[in-house]
Amino acid sequence: MIITIQDKQFDTKKITQLYPAAVVKTGYKDETTKVSLEWLDIEAKGKVEVVGFGIFVHLGEEEKHEFIFETKEEMDALAGQIAAQLKRN
């Protein structure tokens, strides 16, 4: 099955990971890292600086795609579009 995320197409058979996450500053220079949305909601309240939200697609170990947004609402809208594509098939 082929899904489209923004303008990119992915064969679901090749996707090894597909997940949403928050992007936060690590505190070291301009370095950022991904954290789970659950951790952000429960554990991180006021403890980290969120710089964005994203949907991350891994095709094996080598090929990774990131779709980054300024707000969680924008990310959620894309996640809904992906879910709708998956439900159709």
PDB file of N, CA and C in Angstrom:
ATOM      1  N   MET A   1       0.830  -1.173   0.000  1.00  0.00           N
ATOM      2  CA  MET A   1       0.000   0.000   0.000  1.00  0.00           C
ATOM      3  C   MET A   1       0.883   1.247   0.000  1.00  0.00           C
ATOM      4  N   ILE A   2       0.504   2.224  -0.777  1.00  0.00           N
ATOM      5  CA  ILE A   2       1.249   3.478  -0.857  1.00  0.00           C
ATOM      6  C   ILE A   2       0.472   4.564  -0.117  1.00  0.00           C
ATOM      7  N   ILE A   3       1.152   5.279   0.779  1.00  0.00           N
ATOM      8  CA  ILE A   3       0.539   6.433   1.433  1.00  0.00           C
ATOM      9  C   ILE A   3       1.329   7.672   1.034  1.00  0.00           C
ATOM     10  N   THR A   4       0.646   8.809   1.059  1.00  0.00           N
ATOM     11  CA  THR A   4       1.286  10.069   0.724  1.00  0.00           C
ATOM     12  C   THR A   4       1.310  10.954   1.961  1.00  0.00           C
ATOM     13  N   ILE A   5       2.495  11.444   2.275  1.00  0.00           N
ATOM     14  CA  ILE A   5       2.666  12.381   3.379  1.00  0.00           C
ATOM     15  C   ILE A   5       3.241  13.643   2.765  1.00  0.00           C
ATOM     16  N   GLN A   6       2.446  14.695   2.825  1.00  0.00           N
ATOM     17  CA  GLN A   6       2.731  15.919   2.096  1.00  0.00           C
ATOM     18  C   GLN A   6       2.954  15.532   0.636  1.00  0.00           C
ATOM     19  N   ASP A   7       4.104  15.790   0.057  1.00  0.00           N
ATOM     20  CA  ASP A   7       4.297  15.455  -1.359  1.00  0.00           C
ATOM     21  C   ASP A   7       5.107  14.173  -1.565  1.00  0.00           C
ATOM     22  N   LYS A   8       5.373  13.437  -0.497  1.00  0.00           N
ATOM     23  CA  LYS A   8       6.194  12.231  -0.611  1.00  0.00           C
ATOM     24  C   LYS A   8       5.327  10.984  -0.493  1.00  0.00           C
ATOM     25  N   GLN A   9       5.675   9.984  -1.304  1.00  0.00           N
ATOM     26  CA  GLN A   9       4.950   8.722  -1.254  1.00  0.00           C
ATOM     27  C   GLN A   9       5.816   7.664  -0.584  1.00  0.00           C
ATOM     28  N   PHE A  10       5.160   6.822   0.212  1.00  0.00           N
ATOM     29  CA  PHE A  10       5.853   5.760   0.938  1.00  0.00           C
ATOM     30  C   PHE A  10       5.100   4.453   0.771  1.00  0.00           C
ATOM     31  N   ASP A  11       5.848   3.381   0.547  1.00  0.00           N
ATOM     32  CA  ASP A  11       5.283   2.036   0.519  1.00  0.00           C
ATOM     33  C   ASP A  11       5.245   1.557   1.964  1.00  0.00           C
ATOM     34  N   THR A  12       4.068   1.275   2.471  1.00  0.00           N
ATOM     35  CA  THR A  12       3.949   0.885   3.879  1.00  0.00           C
ATOM     36  C   THR A  12       4.734  -0.386   4.201  1.00  0.00           C
ATOM     37  N   LYS A  13       5.011  -1.209   3.206  1.00  0.00           N
ATOM     38  CA  LYS A  13       5.802  -2.419   3.441  1.00  0.00           C
ATOM     39  C   LYS A  13       7.238  -2.080   3.820  1.00  0.00           C
ATOM     40  N   LYS A  14       7.702  -0.895   3.424  1.00  0.00           N
ATOM     41  CA  LYS A  14       9.086  -0.498   3.699  1.00  0.00           C
ATOM     42  C   LYS A  14       9.228   0.348   4.959  1.00  0.00           C
ATOM     43  N   ILE A  15       8.099   0.801   5.526  1.00  0.00           N
ATOM     44  CA  ILE A  15       8.150   1.638   6.728  1.00  0.00           C
ATOM     45  C   ILE A  15       8.424   0.763   7.938  1.00  0.00           C
ATOM     46  N   THR A  16       9.514   1.064   8.643  1.00  0.00           N
ATOM     47  CA  THR A  16       9.836   0.326   9.865  1.00  0.00           C
ATOM     48  C   THR A  16       9.374   1.074  11.113  1.00  0.00           C
ATOM     49  N   GLN A  17       9.268   2.398  11.015  1.00  0.00           N
ATOM     50  CA  GLN A  17       8.738   3.205  12.106  1.00  0.00           C
ATOM     51  C   GLN A  17       7.987   4.396  11.522  1.00  0.00           C
ATOM     52  N   LEU A  18       6.872   4.728  12.148  1.00  0.00           N
ATOM     53  CA  LEU A  18       6.076   5.898  11.778  1.00  0.00           C
ATOM     54  C   LEU A  18       5.489   6.407  13.083  1.00  0.00           C
ATOM     55  N   TYR A  19       5.937   7.586  13.520  1.00  0.00           N
ATOM     56  CA  TYR A  19       5.499   8.051  14.841  1.00  0.00           C
ATOM     57  C   TYR A  19       5.514   9.579  14.942  1.00  0.00           C
ATOM     58  N   PRO A  20       4.653  10.110  15.820  1.00  0.00           N
ATOM     59  CA  PRO A  20       4.684  11.536  16.119  1.00  0.00           C
ATOM     60  C   PRO A  20       5.589  11.766  17.330  1.00  0.00           C
ATOM     61  N   ALA A  21       6.152  12.957  17.418  1.00  0.00           N
ATOM     62  CA  ALA A  21       6.981  13.297  18.568  1.00  0.00           C
ATOM     63  C   ALA A  21       7.090  14.808  18.693  1.00  0.00           C
ATOM     64  N   ALA A  22       7.471  15.245  19.882  1.00  0.00           N
ATOM     65  CA  ALA A  22       7.785  16.655  20.093  1.00  0.00           C
ATOM     66  C   ALA A  22       9.282  16.821  19.899  1.00  0.00           C
ATOM     67  N   VAL A  23       9.684  17.983  19.439  1.00  0.00           N
ATOM     68  CA  VAL A  23      11.101  18.307  19.290  1.00  0.00           C
ATOM     69  C   VAL A  23      11.423  19.345  20.358  1.00  0.00           C
ATOM     70  N   VAL A  24      12.396  19.015  21.220  1.00  0.00           N
ATOM     71  CA  VAL A  24      12.737  19.901  22.333  1.00  0.00           C
ATOM     72  C   VAL A  24      14.228  20.214  22.326  1.00  0.00           C
ATOM     73  N   LYS A  25      14.569  21.341  22.938  1.00  0.00           N
ATOM     74  CA  LYS A  25      15.983  21.695  23.088  1.00  0.00           C
ATOM     75  C   LYS A  25      16.585  20.821  24.173  1.00  0.00           C
ATOM     76  N   THR A  26      17.847  20.402  23.950  1.00  0.00           N
ATOM     77  CA  THR A  26      18.511  19.565  24.943  1.00  0.00           C
ATOM     78  C   THR A  26      19.189  20.386  26.033  1.00  0.00           C
ATOM     79  N   GLY A  27      19.418  21.669  25.756  1.00  0.00           N
ATOM     80  CA  GLY A  27      20.130  22.510  26.705  1.00  0.00           C
ATOM     81  C   GLY A  27      21.588  22.689  26.320  1.00  0.00           C
ATOM     82  N   TYR A  28      22.023  21.978  25.282  1.00  0.00           N
ATOM     83  CA  TYR A  28      23.397  22.105  24.800  1.00  0.00           C
ATOM     84  C   TYR A  28      23.382  22.831  23.471  1.00  0.00           C
ATOM     85  N   LYS A  29      23.851  24.053  23.466  1.00  0.00           N
ATOM     86  CA  LYS A  29      23.873  24.899  22.273  1.00  0.00           C
ATOM     87  C   LYS A  29      22.496  24.888  21.604  1.00  0.00           C
ATOM     88  N   ASP A  30      22.424  24.643  20.301  1.00  0.00           N
ATOM     89  CA  ASP A  30      21.138  24.606  19.593  1.00  0.00           C
ATOM     90  C   ASP A  30      20.665  23.185  19.325  1.00  0.00           C
ATOM     91  N   GLU A  31      21.223  22.229  20.042  1.00  0.00           N
ATOM     92  CA  GLU A  31      20.891  20.823  19.838  1.00  0.00           C
ATOM     93  C   GLU A  31      19.438  20.533  20.252  1.00  0.00           C
ATOM     94  N   THR A  32      18.777  19.687  19.460  1.00  0.00           N
ATOM     95  CA  THR A  32      17.414  19.261  19.776  1.00  0.00           C
ATOM     96  C   THR A  32      17.341  17.741  19.778  1.00  0.00           C
ATOM     97  N   THR A  33      16.273  17.229  20.355  1.00  0.00           N
ATOM     98  CA  THR A  33      16.014  15.795  20.354  1.00  0.00           C
ATOM     99  C   THR A  33      14.510  15.574  20.308  1.00  0.00           C
ATOM    100  N   LYS A  34      14.116  14.364  19.966  1.00  0.00           N
ATOM    101  CA  LYS A  34      12.709  14.002  19.911  1.00  0.00           C
ATOM    102  C   LYS A  34      12.302  13.346  21.226  1.00  0.00           C
ATOM    103  N   VAL A  35      11.113  13.696  21.694  1.00  0.00           N
ATOM    104  CA  VAL A  35      10.558  13.046  22.886  1.00  0.00           C
ATOM    105  C   VAL A  35       9.119  12.645  22.581  1.00  0.00           C
ATOM    106  N   SER A  36       8.644  11.638  23.277  1.00  0.00           N
ATOM    107  CA  SER A  36       7.276  11.180  23.044  1.00  0.00           C
ATOM    108  C   SER A  36       6.283  12.229  23.534  1.00  0.00           C
ATOM    109  N   LEU A  37       5.145  12.263  22.890  1.00  0.00           N
ATOM    110  CA  LEU A  37       4.104  13.201  23.288  1.00  0.00           C
ATOM    111  C   LEU A  37       3.584  12.874  24.676  1.00  0.00           C
ATOM    112  N   GLU A  38       3.532  11.599  25.013  1.00  0.00           N
ATOM    113  CA  GLU A  38       3.090  11.185  26.344  1.00  0.00           C
ATOM    114  C   GLU A  38       4.041  11.727  27.412  1.00  0.00           C
ATOM    115  N   TRP A  39       5.340  11.588  27.197  1.00  0.00           N
ATOM    116  CA  TRP A  39       6.321  12.101  28.156  1.00  0.00           C
ATOM    117  C   TRP A  39       6.175  13.610  28.292  1.00  0.00           C
ATOM    118  N   LEU A  40       6.004  14.282  27.167  1.00  0.00           N
ATOM    119  CA  LEU A  40       5.862  15.735  27.187  1.00  0.00           C
ATOM    120  C   LEU A  40       4.648  16.144  28.009  1.00  0.00           C
ATOM    121  N   ASP A  41       3.519  15.463  27.833  1.00  0.00           N
ATOM    122  CA  ASP A  41       2.285  15.805  28.541  1.00  0.00           C
ATOM    123  C   ASP A  41       2.338  15.483  30.030  1.00  0.00           C
ATOM    124  N   ILE A  42       3.006  14.385  30.386  1.00  0.00           N
ATOM    125  CA  ILE A  42       2.966  13.913  31.771  1.00  0.00           C
ATOM    126  C   ILE A  42       4.171  14.365  32.594  1.00  0.00           C
ATOM    127  N   GLU A  43       5.356  14.191  32.057  1.00  0.00           N
ATOM    128  CA  GLU A  43       6.573  14.396  32.834  1.00  0.00           C
ATOM    129  C   GLU A  43       7.250  15.747  32.643  1.00  0.00           C
ATOM    130  N   ALA A  44       7.120  16.340  31.470  1.00  0.00           N
ATOM    131  CA  ALA A  44       7.974  17.472  31.111  1.00  0.00           C
ATOM    132  C   ALA A  44       7.344  18.843  31.333  1.00  0.00           C
ATOM    133  N   LYS A  45       6.197  18.905  31.937  1.00  0.00           N
ATOM    134  CA  LYS A  45       5.484  20.178  32.055  1.00  0.00           C
ATOM    135  C   LYS A  45       6.389  21.278  32.615  1.00  0.00           C
ATOM    136  N   GLY A  46       6.683  22.239  31.739  1.00  0.00           N
ATOM    137  CA  GLY A  46       7.487  23.376  32.150  1.00  0.00           C
ATOM    138  C   GLY A  46       8.975  23.108  32.306  1.00  0.00           C
ATOM    139  N   LYS A  47       9.413  21.895  32.018  1.00  0.00           N
ATOM    140  CA  LYS A  47      10.821  21.542  32.224  1.00  0.00           C
ATOM    141  C   LYS A  47      11.659  21.605  30.958  1.00  0.00           C
ATOM    142  N   VAL A  48      11.020  21.620  29.804  1.00  0.00           N
ATOM    143  CA  VAL A  48      11.760  21.628  28.540  1.00  0.00           C
ATOM    144  C   VAL A  48      11.196  22.709  27.623  1.00  0.00           C
ATOM    145  N   GLU A  49      12.019  23.128  26.672  1.00  0.00           N
ATOM    146  CA  GLU A  49      11.574  24.097  25.680  1.00  0.00           C
ATOM    147  C   GLU A  49      11.226  23.362  24.399  1.00  0.00           C
ATOM    148  N   VAL A  50       9.958  23.400  24.042  1.00  0.00           N
ATOM    149  CA  VAL A  50       9.480  22.753  22.826  1.00  0.00           C
ATOM    150  C   VAL A  50       9.756  23.684  21.648  1.00  0.00           C
ATOM    151  N   VAL A  51      10.394  23.142  20.617  1.00  0.00           N
ATOM    152  CA  VAL A  51      10.680  23.949  19.422  1.00  0.00           C
ATOM    153  C   VAL A  51       9.817  23.525  18.228  1.00  0.00           C
ATOM    154  N   GLY A  52       9.090  22.427  18.372  1.00  0.00           N
ATOM    155  CA  GLY A  52       8.231  21.987  17.287  1.00  0.00           C
ATOM    156  C   GLY A  52       7.662  20.610  17.546  1.00  0.00           C
ATOM    157  N   PHE A  53       6.915  20.144  16.571  1.00  0.00           N
ATOM    158  CA  PHE A  53       6.302  18.821  16.613  1.00  0.00           C
ATOM    159  C   PHE A  53       6.517  18.184  15.255  1.00  0.00           C
ATOM    160  N   GLY A  54       6.583  16.865  15.234  1.00  0.00           N
ATOM    161  CA  GLY A  54       6.841  16.237  13.950  1.00  0.00           C
ATOM    162  C   GLY A  54       6.280  14.843  13.827  1.00  0.00           C
ATOM    163  N   ILE A  55       6.212  14.424  12.582  1.00  0.00           N
ATOM    164  CA  ILE A  55       5.912  13.031  12.250  1.00  0.00           C
ATOM    165  C   ILE A  55       7.164  12.501  11.576  1.00  0.00           C
ATOM    166  N   PHE A  56       7.613  11.353  12.048  1.00  0.00           N
ATOM    167  CA  PHE A  56       8.880  10.789  11.611  1.00  0.00           C
ATOM    168  C   PHE A  56       8.632   9.435  10.965  1.00  0.00           C
ATOM    169  N   VAL A  57       9.258   9.248   9.806  1.00  0.00           N
ATOM    170  CA  VAL A  57       9.105   8.016   9.038  1.00  0.00           C
ATOM    171  C   VAL A  57      10.485   7.420   8.825  1.00  0.00           C
ATOM    172  N   HIS A  58      10.654   6.161   9.235  1.00  0.00           N
ATOM    173  CA  HIS A  58      11.913   5.449   9.029  1.00  0.00           C
ATOM    174  C   HIS A  58      11.672   4.321   8.049  1.00  0.00           C
ATOM    175  N   LEU A  59      12.537   4.253   7.053  1.00  0.00           N
ATOM    176  CA  LEU A  59      12.531   3.144   6.105  1.00  0.00           C
ATOM    177  C   LEU A  59      13.822   2.379   6.363  1.00  0.00           C
ATOM    178  N   GLY A  60      13.757   1.438   7.279  1.00  0.00           N
ATOM    179  CA  GLY A  60      14.970   0.744   7.694  1.00  0.00           C
ATOM    180  C   GLY A  60      15.815   1.646   8.576  1.00  0.00           C
ATOM    181  N   GLU A  61      17.090   1.331   8.696  1.00  0.00           N
ATOM    182  CA  GLU A  61      17.995   2.097   9.551  1.00  0.00           C
ATOM    183  C   GLU A  61      18.561   3.332   8.873  1.00  0.00           C
ATOM    184  N   GLU A  62      18.647   3.312   7.570  1.00  0.00           N
ATOM    185  CA  GLU A  62      19.361   4.358   6.850  1.00  0.00           C
ATOM    186  C   GLU A  62      18.513   5.538   6.391  1.00  0.00           C
ATOM    187  N   GLU A  63      17.305   5.288   5.955  1.00  0.00           N
ATOM    188  CA  GLU A  63      16.507   6.358   5.350  1.00  0.00           C
ATOM    189  C   GLU A  63      15.448   6.859   6.328  1.00  0.00           C
ATOM    190  N   LYS A  64      15.534   8.155   6.650  1.00  0.00           N
ATOM    191  CA  LYS A  64      14.601   8.763   7.599  1.00  0.00           C
ATOM    192  C   LYS A  64      14.041  10.048   7.008  1.00  0.00           C
ATOM    193  N   HIS A  65      12.753  10.270   7.234  1.00  0.00           N
ATOM    194  CA  HIS A  65      12.086  11.478   6.760  1.00  0.00           C
ATOM    195  C   HIS A  65      11.416  12.156   7.951  1.00  0.00           C
ATOM    196  N   GLU A  66      11.514  13.486   7.995  1.00  0.00           N
ATOM    197  CA  GLU A  66      10.922  14.254   9.075  1.00  0.00           C
ATOM    198  C   GLU A  66       9.967  15.289   8.504  1.00  0.00           C
ATOM    199  N   PHE A  67       8.807  15.405   9.123  1.00  0.00           N
ATOM    200  CA  PHE A  67       7.821  16.412   8.759  1.00  0.00           C
ATOM    201  C   PHE A  67       7.585  17.241  10.019  1.00  0.00           C
ATOM    202  N   ILE A  68       8.173  18.436  10.067  1.00  0.00           N
ATOM    203  CA  ILE A  68       8.198  19.251  11.278  1.00  0.00           C
ATOM    204  C   ILE A  68       7.200  20.402  11.181  1.00  0.00           C
ATOM    205  N   PHE A  69       6.546  20.681  12.310  1.00  0.00           N
ATOM    206  CA  PHE A  69       5.540  21.734  12.394  1.00  0.00           C
ATOM    207  C   PHE A  69       5.775  22.597  13.626  1.00  0.00           C
ATOM    208  N   GLU A  70       5.270  23.807  13.574  1.00  0.00           N
ATOM    209  CA  GLU A  70       5.401  24.706  14.713  1.00  0.00           C
ATOM    210  C   GLU A  70       4.416  24.362  15.824  1.00  0.00           C
ATOM    211  N   THR A  71       3.245  23.835  15.453  1.00  0.00           N
ATOM    212  CA  THR A  71       2.224  23.553  16.464  1.00  0.00           C
ATOM    213  C   THR A  71       1.801  22.084  16.447  1.00  0.00           C
ATOM    214  N   LYS A  72       1.289  21.651  17.582  1.00  0.00           N
ATOM    215  CA  LYS A  72       0.783  20.287  17.696  1.00  0.00           C
ATOM    216  C   LYS A  72      -0.451  20.105  16.818  1.00  0.00           C
ATOM    217  N   GLU A  73      -1.239  21.156  16.675  1.00  0.00           N
ATOM    218  CA  GLU A  73      -2.449  21.081  15.859  1.00  0.00           C
ATOM    219  C   GLU A  73      -2.117  20.787  14.394  1.00  0.00           C
ATOM    220  N   GLU A  74      -1.061  21.414  13.884  1.00  0.00           N
ATOM    221  CA  GLU A  74      -0.634  21.154  12.502  1.00  0.00           C
ATOM    222  C   GLU A  74      -0.200  19.698  12.344  1.00  0.00           C
ATOM    223  N   MET A  75       0.567  19.204  13.332  1.00  0.00           N
ATOM    224  CA  MET A  75       1.017  17.819  13.290  1.00  0.00           C
ATOM    225  C   MET A  75      -0.173  16.869  13.368  1.00  0.00           C
ATOM    226  N   ASP A  76      -1.119  17.172  14.255  1.00  0.00           N
ATOM    227  CA  ASP A  76      -2.306  16.324  14.407  1.00  0.00           C
ATOM    228  C   ASP A  76      -3.118  16.261  13.114  1.00  0.00           C
ATOM    229  N   ALA A  77      -3.186  17.382  12.390  1.00  0.00           N
ATOM    230  CA  ALA A  77      -3.924  17.394  11.119  1.00  0.00           C
ATOM    231  C   ALA A  77      -3.284  16.432  10.122  1.00  0.00           C
ATOM    232  N   LEU A  78      -1.949  16.439  10.037  1.00  0.00           N
ATOM    233  CA  LEU A  78      -1.267  15.515   9.133  1.00  0.00           C
ATOM    234  C   LEU A  78      -1.440  14.074   9.600  1.00  0.00           C
ATOM    235  N   ALA A  79      -1.370  13.858  10.904  1.00  0.00           N
ATOM    236  CA  ALA A  79      -1.568  12.500  11.440  1.00  0.00           C
ATOM    237  C   ALA A  79      -2.959  11.989  11.069  1.00  0.00           C
ATOM    238  N   GLY A  80      -3.955  12.865  11.101  1.00  0.00           N
ATOM    239  CA  GLY A  80      -5.309  12.478  10.704  1.00  0.00           C
ATOM    240  C   GLY A  80      -5.384  12.092   9.233  1.00  0.00           C
ATOM    241  N   GLN A  81      -4.653  12.827   8.380  1.00  0.00           N
ATOM    242  CA  GLN A  81      -4.629  12.510   6.954  1.00  0.00           C
ATOM    243  C   GLN A  81      -3.977  11.142   6.730  1.00  0.00           C
ATOM    244  N   ILE A  82      -2.917  10.856   7.462  1.00  0.00           N
ATOM    245  CA  ILE A  82      -2.226   9.560   7.330  1.00  0.00           C
ATOM    246  C   ILE A  82      -3.173   8.442   7.793  1.00  0.00           C
ATOM    247  N   ALA A  83      -3.840   8.646   8.921  1.00  0.00           N
ATOM    248  CA  ALA A  83      -4.754   7.643   9.452  1.00  0.00           C
ATOM    249  C   ALA A  83      -5.892   7.362   8.471  1.00  0.00           C
ATOM    250  N   ALA A  84      -6.404   8.404   7.839  1.00  0.00           N
ATOM    251  CA  ALA A  84      -7.484   8.224   6.862  1.00  0.00           C
ATOM    252  C   ALA A  84      -7.023   7.380   5.677  1.00  0.00           C
ATOM    253  N   GLN A  85      -5.788   7.591   5.229  1.00  0.00           N
ATOM    254  CA  GLN A  85      -5.260   6.786   4.131  1.00  0.00           C
ATOM    255  C   GLN A  85      -5.127   5.329   4.535  1.00  0.00           C
ATOM    256  N   LEU A  86      -4.660   5.089   5.752  1.00  0.00           N
ATOM    257  CA  LEU A  86      -4.478   3.719   6.234  1.00  0.00           C
ATOM    258  C   LEU A  86      -5.812   3.007   6.413  1.00  0.00           C
ATOM    259  N   LYS A  87      -6.837   3.733   6.827  1.00  0.00           N
ATOM    260  CA  LYS A  87      -8.161   3.130   7.035  1.00  0.00           C
ATOM    261  C   LYS A  87      -8.828   2.738   5.724  1.00  0.00           C
ATOM    262  N   ARG A  88      -8.553   3.504   4.653  1.00  0.00           N
ATOM    263  CA  ARG A  88      -9.180   3.216   3.358  1.00  0.00           C
ATOM    264  C   ARG A  88      -8.765   1.863   2.814  1.00  0.00           C
ATOM    265  N   ASN A  89      -7.585   1.429   3.159  1.00  0.00           N
ATOM    266  CA  ASN A  89      -7.093   0.177   2.568  1.00  0.00           C
ATOM    267  C   ASN A  89      -7.064  -0.905   3.577  1.00  0.00           C
TER     268      ASN A  89
END
